[in-house]
Amino acid sequence: MEKRELTCIGCPMGCQITVTLDGGEVKNVEGNTCRKGDQYARAEVTHPVRVVTSSVPAEGGEIAQVSVKTAGDIPKESIAAIMEALADVRVMAPVRIGDVIVRDICGTGVDIVATRNVERRAQ
């Protein structure tokens, strides 16, 4: 049996959770005070996911960079490949919040979207 200790991020409580696994299968979850904690812990030890945030250059923009994020959760093991792919991305201003910057980043089925507006630089 393997035990993993987690701090839950499912709600603001931040419960200290212990997950007991046997052969990669969750056998028990303890320490959560709500249902979200149980769900978070089971997912975190079997298939962890994250939202990735970064920025990319905004050519011709009033500011040099536009902040971006994944439009949904991606597998944690994809983070490095996504960051590497974003290193080559450039956008042309203007950019609007929600604009799709990269479709289906690294084959995850998740888009990269802008999280702020960037206006075109005055000429």
PDB file of N, CA and C in Angstrom:
ATOM      1  N   MET A   1       0.850  -1.187   0.000  1.00  0.00           N
ATOM      2  CA  MET A   1       0.000   0.000   0.000  1.00  0.00           C
ATOM      3  C   MET A   1       0.891   1.244   0.000  1.00  0.00           C
ATOM      4  N   GLU A   2       0.457   2.215  -0.782  1.00  0.00           N
ATOM      5  CA  GLU A   2       1.165   3.488  -0.874  1.00  0.00           C
ATOM      6  C   GLU A   2       0.249   4.579  -0.350  1.00  0.00           C
ATOM      7  N   LYS A   3       0.822   5.536   0.383  1.00  0.00           N
ATOM      8  CA  LYS A   3       0.049   6.684   0.871  1.00  0.00           C
ATOM      9  C   LYS A   3       0.637   7.957   0.301  1.00  0.00           C
ATOM     10  N   ARG A   4      -0.248   8.840  -0.164  1.00  0.00           N
ATOM     11  CA  ARG A   4       0.180  10.146  -0.664  1.00  0.00           C
ATOM     12  C   ARG A   4      -0.539  11.231   0.120  1.00  0.00           C
ATOM     13  N   GLU A   5       0.220  12.244   0.482  1.00  0.00           N
ATOM     14  CA  GLU A   5      -0.314  13.387   1.223  1.00  0.00           C
ATOM     15  C   GLU A   5      -0.517  14.541   0.248  1.00  0.00           C
ATOM     16  N   LEU A   6      -1.697  15.155   0.275  1.00  0.00           N
ATOM     17  CA  LEU A   6      -2.028  16.259  -0.615  1.00  0.00           C
ATOM     18  C   LEU A   6      -2.651  17.399   0.175  1.00  0.00           C
ATOM     19  N   THR A   7      -2.494  18.607  -0.327  1.00  0.00           N
ATOM     20  CA  THR A   7      -3.277  19.735   0.155  1.00  0.00           C
ATOM     21  C   THR A   7      -4.333  19.984  -0.897  1.00  0.00           C
ATOM     22  N   CYS A   8      -5.585  19.876  -0.501  1.00  0.00           N
ATOM     23  CA  CYS A   8      -6.682  20.004  -1.441  1.00  0.00           C
ATOM     24  C   CYS A   8      -6.829  21.447  -1.915  1.00  0.00           C
ATOM     25  N   ILE A   9      -7.105  21.596  -3.229  1.00  0.00           N
ATOM     26  CA  ILE A   9      -7.379  22.916  -3.802  1.00  0.00           C
ATOM     27  C   ILE A   9      -8.790  22.960  -4.388  1.00  0.00           C
ATOM     28  N   GLY A  10      -9.622  21.995  -4.003  1.00  0.00           N
ATOM     29  CA  GLY A  10     -10.985  21.909  -4.517  1.00  0.00           C
ATOM     30  C   GLY A  10     -11.905  22.997  -3.990  1.00  0.00           C
ATOM     31  N   CYS A  11     -11.603  23.525  -2.826  1.00  0.00           N
ATOM     32  CA  CYS A  11     -12.369  24.621  -2.231  1.00  0.00           C
ATOM     33  C   CYS A  11     -11.412  25.423  -1.341  1.00  0.00           C
ATOM     34  N   PRO A  12     -11.847  26.507  -0.748  1.00  0.00           N
ATOM     35  CA  PRO A  12     -10.946  27.348   0.057  1.00  0.00           C
ATOM     36  C   PRO A  12     -10.449  26.735   1.376  1.00  0.00           C
ATOM     37  N   MET A  13     -10.977  25.601   1.792  1.00  0.00           N
ATOM     38  CA  MET A  13     -10.590  25.006   3.081  1.00  0.00           C
ATOM     39  C   MET A  13      -9.133  24.546   3.118  1.00  0.00           C
ATOM     40  N   GLY A  14      -8.586  24.053   2.011  1.00  0.00           N
ATOM     41  CA  GLY A  14      -7.194  23.594   1.974  1.00  0.00           C
ATOM     42  C   GLY A  14      -6.937  22.396   2.870  1.00  0.00           C
ATOM     43  N   CYS A  15      -7.830  21.429   2.851  1.00  0.00           N
ATOM     44  CA  CYS A  15      -7.705  20.241   3.705  1.00  0.00           C
ATOM     45  C   CYS A  15      -6.439  19.452   3.395  1.00  0.00           C
ATOM     46  N   GLN A  16      -5.864  18.870   4.433  1.00  0.00           N
ATOM     47  CA  GLN A  16      -4.737  17.954   4.274  1.00  0.00           C
ATOM     48  C   GLN A  16      -5.326  16.564   4.073  1.00  0.00           C
ATOM     49  N   ILE A  17      -5.116  16.006   2.909  1.00  0.00           N
ATOM     50  CA  ILE A  17      -5.751  14.744   2.523  1.00  0.00           C
ATOM     51  C   ILE A  17      -4.701  13.650   2.384  1.00  0.00           C
ATOM     52  N   THR A  18      -5.054  12.464   2.860  1.00  0.00           N
ATOM     53  CA  THR A  18      -4.221  11.278   2.685  1.00  0.00           C
ATOM     54  C   THR A  18      -4.955  10.323   1.760  1.00  0.00           C
ATOM     55  N   VAL A  19      -4.275   9.936   0.685  1.00  0.00           N
ATOM     56  CA  VAL A  19      -4.844   8.992  -0.270  1.00  0.00           C
ATOM     57  C   VAL A  19      -4.058   7.691  -0.162  1.00  0.00           C
ATOM     58  N   THR A  20      -4.778   6.601   0.020  1.00  0.00           N
ATOM     59  CA  THR A  20      -4.159   5.278   0.068  1.00  0.00           C
ATOM     60  C   THR A  20      -4.404   4.588  -1.263  1.00  0.00           C
ATOM     61  N   LEU A  21      -3.303   4.116  -1.870  1.00  0.00           N
ATOM     62  CA  LEU A  21      -3.375   3.434  -3.164  1.00  0.00           C
ATOM     63  C   LEU A  21      -2.838   2.013  -3.024  1.00  0.00           C
ATOM     64  N   ASP A  22      -3.383   1.146  -3.842  1.00  0.00           N
ATOM     65  CA  ASP A  22      -2.884  -0.227  -3.927  1.00  0.00           C
ATOM     66  C   ASP A  22      -2.785  -0.557  -5.406  1.00  0.00           C
ATOM     67  N   GLY A  23      -1.566  -0.691  -5.896  1.00  0.00           N
ATOM     68  CA  GLY A  23      -1.372  -0.979  -7.308  1.00  0.00           C
ATOM     69  C   GLY A  23      -1.895   0.105  -8.223  1.00  0.00           C
ATOM     70  N   GLY A  24      -1.824   1.361  -7.800  1.00  0.00           N
ATOM     71  CA  GLY A  24      -2.289   2.480  -8.600  1.00  0.00           C
ATOM     72  C   GLY A  24      -3.780   2.743  -8.484  1.00  0.00           C
ATOM     73  N   GLU A  25      -4.491   1.918  -7.723  1.00  0.00           N
ATOM     74  CA  GLU A  25      -5.933   2.090  -7.534  1.00  0.00           C
ATOM     75  C   GLU A  25      -6.195   2.745  -6.171  1.00  0.00           C
ATOM     76  N   VAL A  26      -7.050   3.775  -6.170  1.00  0.00           N
ATOM     77  CA  VAL A  26      -7.383   4.469  -4.927  1.00  0.00           C
ATOM     78  C   VAL A  26      -8.242   3.557  -4.058  1.00  0.00           C
ATOM     79  N   LYS A  27      -7.753   3.313  -2.832  1.00  0.00           N
ATOM     80  CA  LYS A  27      -8.491   2.477  -1.885  1.00  0.00           C
ATOM     81  C   LYS A  27      -9.197   3.301  -0.823  1.00  0.00           C
ATOM     82  N   ASN A  28      -8.604   4.471  -0.479  1.00  0.00           N
ATOM     83  CA  ASN A  28      -9.198   5.274   0.590  1.00  0.00           C
ATOM     84  C   ASN A  28      -8.735   6.728   0.458  1.00  0.00           C
ATOM     85  N   VAL A  29      -9.639   7.646   0.810  1.00  0.00           N
ATOM     86  CA  VAL A  29      -9.325   9.072   0.868  1.00  0.00           C
ATOM     87  C   VAL A  29      -9.766   9.562   2.235  1.00  0.00           C
ATOM     88  N   GLU A  30      -8.838  10.187   2.979  1.00  0.00           N
ATOM     89  CA  GLU A  30      -9.144  10.689   4.323  1.00  0.00           C
ATOM     90  C   GLU A  30      -8.695  12.130   4.465  1.00  0.00           C
ATOM     91  N   GLY A  31      -9.398  12.886   5.287  1.00  0.00           N
ATOM     92  CA  GLY A  31      -9.003  14.245   5.631  1.00  0.00           C
ATOM     93  C   GLY A  31      -9.809  15.314   4.934  1.00  0.00           C
ATOM     94  N   ASN A  32     -10.569  14.955   3.912  1.00  0.00           N
ATOM     95  CA  ASN A  32     -11.379  15.952   3.208  1.00  0.00           C
ATOM     96  C   ASN A  32     -12.635  16.255   4.013  1.00  0.00           C
ATOM     97  N   THR A  33     -13.053  17.523   3.972  1.00  0.00           N
ATOM     98  CA  THR A  33     -14.274  17.908   4.685  1.00  0.00           C
ATOM     99  C   THR A  33     -15.463  18.064   3.741  1.00  0.00           C
ATOM    100  N   CYS A  34     -15.208  17.951   2.431  1.00  0.00           N
ATOM    101  CA  CYS A  34     -16.314  18.051   1.481  1.00  0.00           C
ATOM    102  C   CYS A  34     -16.100  17.066   0.335  1.00  0.00           C
ATOM    103  N   ARG A  35     -17.119  16.892  -0.464  1.00  0.00           N
ATOM    104  CA  ARG A  35     -17.086  15.968  -1.599  1.00  0.00           C
ATOM    105  C   ARG A  35     -16.051  16.386  -2.639  1.00  0.00           C
ATOM    106  N   LYS A  36     -15.848  17.701  -2.795  1.00  0.00           N
ATOM    107  CA  LYS A  36     -14.860  18.183  -3.761  1.00  0.00           C
ATOM    108  C   LYS A  36     -13.467  17.665  -3.425  1.00  0.00           C
ATOM    109  N   GLY A  37     -13.172  17.551  -2.144  1.00  0.00           N
ATOM    110  CA  GLY A  37     -11.865  17.055  -1.710  1.00  0.00           C
ATOM    111  C   GLY A  37     -11.634  15.623  -2.132  1.00  0.00           C
ATOM    112  N   ASP A  38     -12.652  14.804  -1.994  1.00  0.00           N
ATOM    113  CA  ASP A  38     -12.549  13.407  -2.417  1.00  0.00           C
ATOM    114  C   ASP A  38     -12.323  13.337  -3.922  1.00  0.00           C
ATOM    115  N   GLN A  39     -13.087  14.101  -4.675  1.00  0.00           N
ATOM    116  CA  GLN A  39     -12.962  14.101  -6.137  1.00  0.00           C
ATOM    117  C   GLN A  39     -11.585  14.608  -6.569  1.00  0.00           C
ATOM    118  N   TYR A  40     -11.142  15.708  -5.955  1.00  0.00           N
ATOM    119  CA  TYR A  40      -9.841  16.275  -6.294  1.00  0.00           C
ATOM    120  C   TYR A  40      -8.725  15.267  -6.020  1.00  0.00           C
ATOM    121  N   ALA A  41      -8.733  14.656  -4.846  1.00  0.00           N
ATOM    122  CA  ALA A  41      -7.671  13.732  -4.450  1.00  0.00           C
ATOM    123  C   ALA A  41      -7.600  12.526  -5.383  1.00  0.00           C
ATOM    124  N   ARG A  42      -8.739  11.960  -5.705  1.00  0.00           N
ATOM    125  CA  ARG A  42      -8.752  10.796  -6.601  1.00  0.00           C
ATOM    126  C   ARG A  42      -8.193  11.163  -7.982  1.00  0.00           C
ATOM    127  N   ALA A  43      -8.598  12.296  -8.501  1.00  0.00           N
ATOM    128  CA  ALA A  43      -8.104  12.729  -9.811  1.00  0.00           C
ATOM    129  C   ALA A  43      -6.617  13.071  -9.760  1.00  0.00           C
ATOM    130  N   GLU A  44      -6.183  13.734  -8.700  1.00  0.00           N
ATOM    131  CA  GLU A  44      -4.792  14.191  -8.602  1.00  0.00           C
ATOM    132  C   GLU A  44      -3.806  13.023  -8.559  1.00  0.00           C
ATOM    133  N   VAL A  45      -4.172  11.925  -7.941  1.00  0.00           N
ATOM    134  CA  VAL A  45      -3.237  10.797  -7.853  1.00  0.00           C
ATOM    135  C   VAL A  45      -3.340   9.840  -9.037  1.00  0.00           C
ATOM    136  N   THR A  46      -4.427   9.911  -9.793  1.00  0.00           N
ATOM    137  CA  THR A  46      -4.577   8.988 -10.920  1.00  0.00           C
ATOM    138  C   THR A  46      -4.375   9.664 -12.277  1.00  0.00           C
ATOM    139  N   HIS A  47      -4.814  10.909 -12.412  1.00  0.00           N
ATOM    140  CA  HIS A  47      -4.683  11.631 -13.683  1.00  0.00           C
ATOM    141  C   HIS A  47      -4.648  13.135 -13.397  1.00  0.00           C
ATOM    142  N   PRO A  48      -3.497  13.649 -12.933  1.00  0.00           N
ATOM    143  CA  PRO A  48      -3.419  15.080 -12.600  1.00  0.00           C
ATOM    144  C   PRO A  48      -3.530  15.969 -13.837  1.00  0.00           C
ATOM    145  N   VAL A  49      -4.270  17.049 -13.693  1.00  0.00           N
ATOM    146  CA  VAL A  49      -4.455  18.021 -14.774  1.00  0.00           C
ATOM    147  C   VAL A  49      -4.179  19.422 -14.242  1.00  0.00           C
ATOM    148  N   ARG A  50      -3.871  20.316 -15.163  1.00  0.00           N
ATOM    149  CA  ARG A  50      -3.584  21.702 -14.811  1.00  0.00           C
ATOM    150  C   ARG A  50      -4.106  22.639 -15.891  1.00  0.00           C
ATOM    151  N   VAL A  51      -4.259  23.908 -15.529  1.00  0.00           N
ATOM    152  CA  VAL A  51      -4.445  24.985 -16.495  1.00  0.00           C
ATOM    153  C   VAL A  51      -3.087  25.655 -16.609  1.00  0.00           C
ATOM    154  N   VAL A  52      -2.610  25.857 -17.832  1.00  0.00           N
ATOM    155  CA  VAL A  52      -1.302  26.473 -18.065  1.00  0.00           C
ATOM    156  C   VAL A  52      -1.505  27.935 -18.418  1.00  0.00           C
ATOM    157  N   THR A  53      -0.739  28.805 -17.780  1.00  0.00           N
ATOM    158  CA  THR A  53      -0.762  30.234 -18.096  1.00  0.00           C
ATOM    159  C   THR A  53       0.630  30.657 -18.549  1.00  0.00           C
ATOM    160  N   SER A  54       0.675  31.586 -19.484  1.00  0.00           N
ATOM    161  CA  SER A  54       1.946  32.072 -20.003  1.00  0.00           C
ATOM    162  C   SER A  54       1.703  33.399 -20.704  1.00  0.00           C
ATOM    163  N   SER A  55       2.645  33.804 -21.528  1.00  0.00           N
ATOM    164  CA  SER A  55       2.467  34.986 -22.370  1.00  0.00           C
ATOM    165  C   SER A  55       3.230  34.763 -23.667  1.00  0.00           C
ATOM    166  N   VAL A  56       2.781  35.458 -24.707  1.00  0.00           N
ATOM    167  CA  VAL A  56       3.440  35.380 -26.015  1.00  0.00           C
ATOM    168  C   VAL A  56       3.607  36.794 -26.555  1.00  0.00           C
ATOM    169  N   PRO A  57       4.613  37.024 -27.401  1.00  0.00           N
ATOM    170  CA  PRO A  57       4.810  38.359 -27.964  1.00  0.00           C
ATOM    171  C   PRO A  57       3.615  38.811 -28.799  1.00  0.00           C
ATOM    172  N   ALA A  58       3.272  40.093 -28.648  1.00  0.00           N
ATOM    173  CA  ALA A  58       2.185  40.711 -29.416  1.00  0.00           C
ATOM    174  C   ALA A  58       2.817  41.753 -30.336  1.00  0.00           C
ATOM    175  N   GLU A  59       3.124  41.345 -31.545  1.00  0.00           N
ATOM    176  CA  GLU A  59       3.790  42.241 -32.494  1.00  0.00           C
ATOM    177  C   GLU A  59       2.857  43.377 -32.901  1.00  0.00           C
ATOM    178  N   GLY A  60       3.397  44.586 -32.871  1.00  0.00           N
ATOM    179  CA  GLY A  60       2.609  45.768 -33.206  1.00  0.00           C
ATOM    180  C   GLY A  60       1.676  46.200 -32.096  1.00  0.00           C
ATOM    181  N   GLY A  61       1.816  45.612 -30.927  1.00  0.00           N
ATOM    182  CA  GLY A  61       0.926  45.929 -29.817  1.00  0.00           C
ATOM    183  C   GLY A  61       1.406  47.080 -28.971  1.00  0.00           C
ATOM    184  N   GLU A  62       0.471  47.727 -28.267  1.00  0.00           N
ATOM    185  CA  GLU A  62       0.838  48.807 -27.352  1.00  0.00           C
ATOM    186  C   GLU A  62       1.629  48.276 -26.156  1.00  0.00           C
ATOM    187  N   ILE A  63       1.512  46.976 -25.897  1.00  0.00           N
ATOM    188  CA  ILE A  63       2.382  46.312 -24.932  1.00  0.00           C
ATOM    189  C   ILE A  63       3.034  45.140 -25.658  1.00  0.00           C
ATOM    190  N   ALA A  64       4.170  44.693 -25.161  1.00  0.00           N
ATOM    191  CA  ALA A  64       4.982  43.715 -25.879  1.00  0.00           C
ATOM    192  C   ALA A  64       4.451  42.286 -25.816  1.00  0.00           C
ATOM    193  N   GLN A  65       3.671  41.960 -24.802  1.00  0.00           N
ATOM    194  CA  GLN A  65       3.218  40.586 -24.597  1.00  0.00           C
ATOM    195  C   GLN A  65       1.719  40.548 -24.356  1.00  0.00           C
ATOM    196  N   VAL A  66       1.117  39.410 -24.692  1.00  0.00           N
ATOM    197  CA  VAL A  66      -0.275  39.170 -24.336  1.00  0.00           C
ATOM    198  C   VAL A  66      -0.298  37.915 -23.458  1.00  0.00           C
ATOM    199  N   SER A  67      -1.028  37.979 -22.356  1.00  0.00           N
ATOM    200  CA  SER A  67      -1.145  36.816 -21.492  1.00  0.00           C
ATOM    201  C   SER A  67      -2.106  35.818 -22.120  1.00  0.00           C
ATOM    202  N   VAL A  68      -1.786  34.531 -21.955  1.00  0.00           N
ATOM    203  CA  VAL A  68      -2.580  33.451 -22.529  1.00  0.00           C
ATOM    204  C   VAL A  68      -2.734  32.332 -21.511  1.00  0.00           C
ATOM    205  N   LYS A  69      -3.705  31.457 -21.763  1.00  0.00           N
ATOM    206  CA  LYS A  69      -3.892  30.278 -20.913  1.00  0.00           C
ATOM    207  C   LYS A  69      -4.559  29.186 -21.720  1.00  0.00           C
ATOM    208  N   THR A  70      -4.495  27.970 -21.177  1.00  0.00           N
ATOM    209  CA  THR A  70      -5.251  26.895 -21.795  1.00  0.00           C
ATOM    210  C   THR A  70      -6.724  27.143 -21.498  1.00  0.00           C
ATOM    211  N   ALA A  71      -7.579  26.835 -22.454  1.00  0.00           N
ATOM    212  CA  ALA A  71      -9.016  27.062 -22.292  1.00  0.00           C
ATOM    213  C   ALA A  71      -9.647  26.021 -21.369  1.00  0.00           C
ATOM    214  N   GLY A  72      -8.878  25.029 -20.979  1.00  0.00           N
ATOM    215  CA  GLY A  72      -9.361  23.994 -20.068  1.00  0.00           C
ATOM    216  C   GLY A  72      -8.177  23.257 -19.475  1.00  0.00           C
ATOM    217  N   ASP A  73      -8.483  22.207 -18.749  1.00  0.00           N
ATOM    218  CA  ASP A  73      -7.434  21.404 -18.125  1.00  0.00           C
ATOM    219  C   ASP A  73      -6.683  20.591 -19.165  1.00  0.00           C
ATOM    220  N   ILE A  74      -5.377  20.441 -18.929  1.00  0.00           N
ATOM    221  CA  ILE A  74      -4.548  19.589 -19.776  1.00  0.00           C
ATOM    222  C   ILE A  74      -3.820  18.605 -18.854  1.00  0.00           C
ATOM    223  N   PRO A  75      -3.412  17.447 -19.377  1.00  0.00           N
ATOM    224  CA  PRO A  75      -2.658  16.517 -18.543  1.00  0.00           C
ATOM    225  C   PRO A  75      -1.366  17.160 -18.043  1.00  0.00           C
ATOM    226  N   LYS A  76      -1.072  16.962 -16.789  1.00  0.00           N
ATOM    227  CA  LYS A  76       0.107  17.577 -16.176  1.00  0.00           C
ATOM    228  C   LYS A  76       1.386  17.244 -16.950  1.00  0.00           C
ATOM    229  N   GLU A  77       1.466  16.039 -17.488  1.00  0.00           N
ATOM    230  CA  GLU A  77       2.681  15.641 -18.199  1.00  0.00           C
ATOM    231  C   GLU A  77       2.854  16.379 -19.524  1.00  0.00           C
ATOM    232  N   SER A  78       1.861  17.137 -19.975  1.00  0.00           N
ATOM    233  CA  SER A  78       1.945  17.900 -21.226  1.00  0.00           C
ATOM    234  C   SER A  78       2.475  19.318 -21.033  1.00  0.00           C
ATOM    235  N   ILE A  79       2.669  19.745 -19.799  1.00  0.00           N
ATOM    236  CA  ILE A  79       3.051  21.135 -19.532  1.00  0.00           C
ATOM    237  C   ILE A  79       4.344  21.522 -20.254  1.00  0.00           C
ATOM    238  N   ALA A  80       5.380  20.719 -20.158  1.00  0.00           N
ATOM    239  CA  ALA A  80       6.669  21.080 -20.769  1.00  0.00           C
ATOM    240  C   ALA A  80       6.533  21.224 -22.282  1.00  0.00           C
ATOM    241  N   ALA A  81       5.831  20.306 -22.916  1.00  0.00           N
ATOM    242  CA  ALA A  81       5.661  20.372 -24.379  1.00  0.00           C
ATOM    243  C   ALA A  81       4.860  21.612 -24.775  1.00  0.00           C
ATOM    244  N   ILE A  82       3.854  21.955 -23.986  1.00  0.00           N
ATOM    245  CA  ILE A  82       3.053  23.144 -24.277  1.00  0.00           C
ATOM    246  C   ILE A  82       3.893  24.404 -24.142  1.00  0.00           C
ATOM    247  N   MET A  83       4.672  24.500 -23.084  1.00  0.00           N
ATOM    248  CA  MET A  83       5.530  25.675 -22.901  1.00  0.00           C
ATOM    249  C   MET A  83       6.559  25.783 -24.031  1.00  0.00           C
ATOM    250  N   GLU A  84       7.079  24.659 -24.473  1.00  0.00           N
ATOM    251  CA  GLU A  84       8.032  24.664 -25.589  1.00  0.00           C
ATOM    252  C   GLU A  84       7.349  25.139 -26.869  1.00  0.00           C
ATOM    253  N   ALA A  85       6.136  24.660 -27.116  1.00  0.00           N
ATOM    254  CA  ALA A  85       5.391  25.079 -28.309  1.00  0.00           C
ATOM    255  C   ALA A  85       5.068  26.570 -28.265  1.00  0.00           C
ATOM    256  N   LEU A  86       4.741  27.091 -27.087  1.00  0.00           N
ATOM    257  CA  LEU A  86       4.401  28.509 -26.956  1.00  0.00           C
ATOM    258  C   LEU A  86       5.610  29.415 -27.185  1.00  0.00           C
ATOM    259  N   ALA A  87       6.809  28.884 -27.011  1.00  0.00           N
ATOM    260  CA  ALA A  87       8.020  29.692 -27.202  1.00  0.00           C
ATOM    261  C   ALA A  87       8.140  30.217 -28.633  1.00  0.00           C
ATOM    262  N   ASP A  88       7.523  29.534 -29.581  1.00  0.00           N
ATOM    263  CA  ASP A  88       7.610  29.933 -30.992  1.00  0.00           C
ATOM    264  C   ASP A  88       6.393  30.725 -31.466  1.00  0.00           C
ATOM    265  N   VAL A  89       5.441  30.982 -30.600  1.00  0.00           N
ATOM    266  CA  VAL A  89       4.194  31.646 -30.993  1.00  0.00           C
ATOM    267  C   VAL A  89       4.354  33.155 -30.932  1.00  0.00           C
ATOM    268  N   ARG A  90       3.883  33.830 -31.982  1.00  0.00           N
ATOM    269  CA  ARG A  90       3.817  35.297 -32.041  1.00  0.00           C
ATOM    270  C   ARG A  90       2.418  35.638 -32.539  1.00  0.00           C
ATOM    271  N   VAL A  91       1.840  36.719 -32.025  1.00  0.00           N
ATOM    272  CA  VAL A  91       0.534  37.172 -32.511  1.00  0.00           C
ATOM    273  C   VAL A  91       0.655  38.607 -32.983  1.00  0.00           C
ATOM    274  N   MET A  92      -0.260  38.996 -33.839  1.00  0.00           N
ATOM    275  CA  MET A  92      -0.318  40.375 -34.313  1.00  0.00           C
ATOM    276  C   MET A  92      -1.433  41.099 -33.570  1.00  0.00           C
ATOM    277  N   ALA A  93      -1.120  42.272 -33.050  1.00  0.00           N
ATOM    278  CA  ALA A  93      -2.138  43.096 -32.395  1.00  0.00           C
ATOM    279  C   ALA A  93      -3.068  43.641 -33.466  1.00  0.00           C
ATOM    280  N   PRO A  94      -4.317  43.895 -33.183  1.00  0.00           N
ATOM    281  CA  PRO A  94      -4.934  43.806 -31.862  1.00  0.00           C
ATOM    282  C   PRO A  94      -5.341  42.368 -31.507  1.00  0.00           C
ATOM    283  N   VAL A  95      -5.397  42.125 -30.205  1.00  0.00           N
ATOM    284  CA  VAL A  95      -5.814  40.836 -29.663  1.00  0.00           C
ATOM    285  C   VAL A  95      -6.913  41.108 -28.645  1.00  0.00           C
ATOM    286  N   ARG A  96      -7.922  40.255 -28.609  1.00  0.00           N
ATOM    287  CA  ARG A  96      -9.047  40.408 -27.677  1.00  0.00           C
ATOM    288  C   ARG A  96      -9.102  39.224 -26.717  1.00  0.00           C
ATOM    289  N   ILE A  97      -9.551  39.488 -25.518  1.00  0.00           N
ATOM    290  CA  ILE A  97      -9.744  38.417 -24.541  1.00  0.00           C
ATOM    291  C   ILE A  97     -10.593  37.322 -25.176  1.00  0.00           C
ATOM    292  N   GLY A  98     -10.137  36.100 -25.046  1.00  0.00           N
ATOM    293  CA  GLY A  98     -10.871  34.965 -25.588  1.00  0.00           C
ATOM    294  C   GLY A  98     -10.471  34.565 -26.988  1.00  0.00           C
ATOM    295  N   ASP A  99      -9.691  35.414 -27.679  1.00  0.00           N
ATOM    296  CA  ASP A  99      -9.215  35.028 -29.013  1.00  0.00           C
ATOM    297  C   ASP A  99      -8.421  33.724 -28.906  1.00  0.00           C
ATOM    298  N   VAL A 100      -8.659  32.816 -29.836  1.00  0.00           N
ATOM    299  CA  VAL A 100      -7.887  31.573 -29.867  1.00  0.00           C
ATOM    300  C   VAL A 100      -6.529  31.890 -30.489  1.00  0.00           C
ATOM    301  N   ILE A 101      -5.486  31.628 -29.736  1.00  0.00           N
ATOM    302  CA  ILE A 101      -4.122  31.909 -30.174  1.00  0.00           C
ATOM    303  C   ILE A 101      -3.527  30.664 -30.839  1.00  0.00           C
ATOM    304  N   VAL A 102      -3.759  29.486 -30.243  1.00  0.00           N
ATOM    305  CA  VAL A 102      -3.318  28.208 -30.809  1.00  0.00           C
ATOM    306  C   VAL A 102      -4.454  27.209 -30.611  1.00  0.00           C
ATOM    307  N   ARG A 103      -4.865  26.569 -31.688  1.00  0.00           N
ATOM    308  CA  ARG A 103      -5.898  25.530 -31.589  1.00  0.00           C
ATOM    309  C   ARG A 103      -5.249  24.189 -31.233  1.00  0.00           C
ATOM    310  N   ASP A 104      -5.900  23.443 -30.371  1.00  0.00           N
ATOM    311  CA  ASP A 104      -5.493  22.065 -30.048  1.00  0.00           C
ATOM    312  C   ASP A 104      -3.993  21.970 -29.754  1.00  0.00           C
ATOM    313  N   ILE A 105      -3.548  22.726 -28.768  1.00  0.00           N
ATOM    314  CA  ILE A 105      -2.120  22.773 -28.439  1.00  0.00           C
ATOM    315  C   ILE A 105      -1.582  21.371 -28.136  1.00  0.00           C
ATOM    316  N   CYS A 106      -0.549  20.992 -28.829  1.00  0.00           N
ATOM    317  CA  CYS A 106       0.148  19.713 -28.643  1.00  0.00           C
ATOM    318  C   CYS A 106      -0.780  18.500 -28.679  1.00  0.00           C
ATOM    319  N   GLY A 107      -1.852  18.589 -29.446  1.00  0.00           N
ATOM    320  CA  GLY A 107      -2.756  17.459 -29.576  1.00  0.00           C
ATOM    321  C   GLY A 107      -3.577  17.148 -28.336  1.00  0.00           C
ATOM    322  N   THR A 108      -3.698  18.131 -27.434  1.00  0.00           N
ATOM    323  CA  THR A 108      -4.453  17.909 -26.195  1.00  0.00           C
ATOM    324  C   THR A 108      -5.953  18.081 -26.390  1.00  0.00           C
ATOM    325  N   GLY A 109      -6.350  18.692 -27.509  1.00  0.00           N
ATOM    326  CA  GLY A 109      -7.761  19.006 -27.715  1.00  0.00           C
ATOM    327  C   GLY A 109      -8.170  20.299 -27.037  1.00  0.00           C
ATOM    328  N   VAL A 110      -7.199  21.003 -26.444  1.00  0.00           N
ATOM    329  CA  VAL A 110      -7.454  22.240 -25.701  1.00  0.00           C
ATOM    330  C   VAL A 110      -6.779  23.396 -26.421  1.00  0.00           C
ATOM    331  N   ASP A 111      -7.505  24.501 -26.564  1.00  0.00           N
ATOM    332  CA  ASP A 111      -6.966  25.691 -27.218  1.00  0.00           C
ATOM    333  C   ASP A 111      -6.224  26.580 -26.229  1.00  0.00           C
ATOM    334  N   ILE A 112      -5.313  27.391 -26.765  1.00  0.00           N
ATOM    335  CA  ILE A 112      -4.680  28.470 -26.005  1.00  0.00           C
ATOM    336  C   ILE A 112      -5.438  29.742 -26.359  1.00  0.00           C
ATOM    337  N   VAL A 113      -5.887  30.485 -25.340  1.00  0.00           N
ATOM    338  CA  VAL A 113      -6.673  31.701 -25.568  1.00  0.00           C
ATOM    339  C   VAL A 113      -6.027  32.898 -24.880  1.00  0.00           C
ATOM    340  N   ALA A 114      -6.287  34.075 -25.421  1.00  0.00           N
ATOM    341  CA  ALA A 114      -5.801  35.327 -24.837  1.00  0.00           C
ATOM    342  C   ALA A 114      -6.602  35.631 -23.570  1.00  0.00           C
ATOM    343  N   THR A 115      -5.918  36.190 -22.577  1.00  0.00           N
ATOM    344  CA  THR A 115      -6.595  36.536 -21.325  1.00  0.00           C
ATOM    345  C   THR A 115      -6.621  38.036 -21.067  1.00  0.00           C
ATOM    346  N   ARG A 116      -6.197  38.804 -22.068  1.00  0.00           N
ATOM    347  CA  ARG A 116      -6.307  40.276 -21.971  1.00  0.00           C
ATOM    348  C   ARG A 116      -6.354  40.864 -23.364  1.00  0.00           C
ATOM    349  N   ASN A 117      -6.796  42.091 -23.440  1.00  0.00           N
ATOM    350  CA  ASN A 117      -6.810  42.820 -24.701  1.00  0.00           C
ATOM    351  C   ASN A 117      -5.458  43.489 -24.912  1.00  0.00           C
ATOM    352  N   VAL A 118      -5.004  43.489 -26.146  1.00  0.00           N
ATOM    353  CA  VAL A 118      -3.807  44.242 -26.531  1.00  0.00           C
ATOM    354  C   VAL A 118      -4.173  45.027 -27.783  1.00  0.00           C
ATOM    355  N   GLU A 119      -4.162  46.339 -27.652  1.00  0.00           N
ATOM    356  CA  GLU A 119      -4.480  47.215 -28.779  1.00  0.00           C
ATOM    357  C   GLU A 119      -3.264  47.376 -29.677  1.00  0.00           C
ATOM    358  N   ARG A 120      -3.530  47.770 -30.909  1.00  0.00           N
ATOM    359  CA  ARG A 120      -2.452  48.045 -31.861  1.00  0.00           C
ATOM    360  C   ARG A 120      -1.757  49.336 -31.424  1.00  0.00           C
ATOM    361  N   ARG A 121      -0.453  49.356 -31.514  1.00  0.00           N
ATOM    362  CA  ARG A 121       0.346  50.529 -31.154  1.00  0.00           C
ATOM    363  C   ARG A 121       0.032  51.655 -32.141  1.00  0.00           C
ATOM    364  N   ALA A 122      -0.131  52.850 -31.635  1.00  0.00           N
ATOM    365  CA  ALA A 122      -0.397  54.022 -32.489  1.00  0.00           C
ATOM    366  C   ALA A 122       0.834  54.278 -33.353  1.00  0.00           C
ATOM    367  N   GLN A 123       0.593  54.590 -34.600  1.00  0.00           N
ATOM    368  CA  GLN A 123       1.700  54.827 -35.546  1.00  0.00           C
ATOM    369  C   GLN A 123       2.133  56.258 -35.534  1.00  0.00           C
TER     370      GLN A 123
END
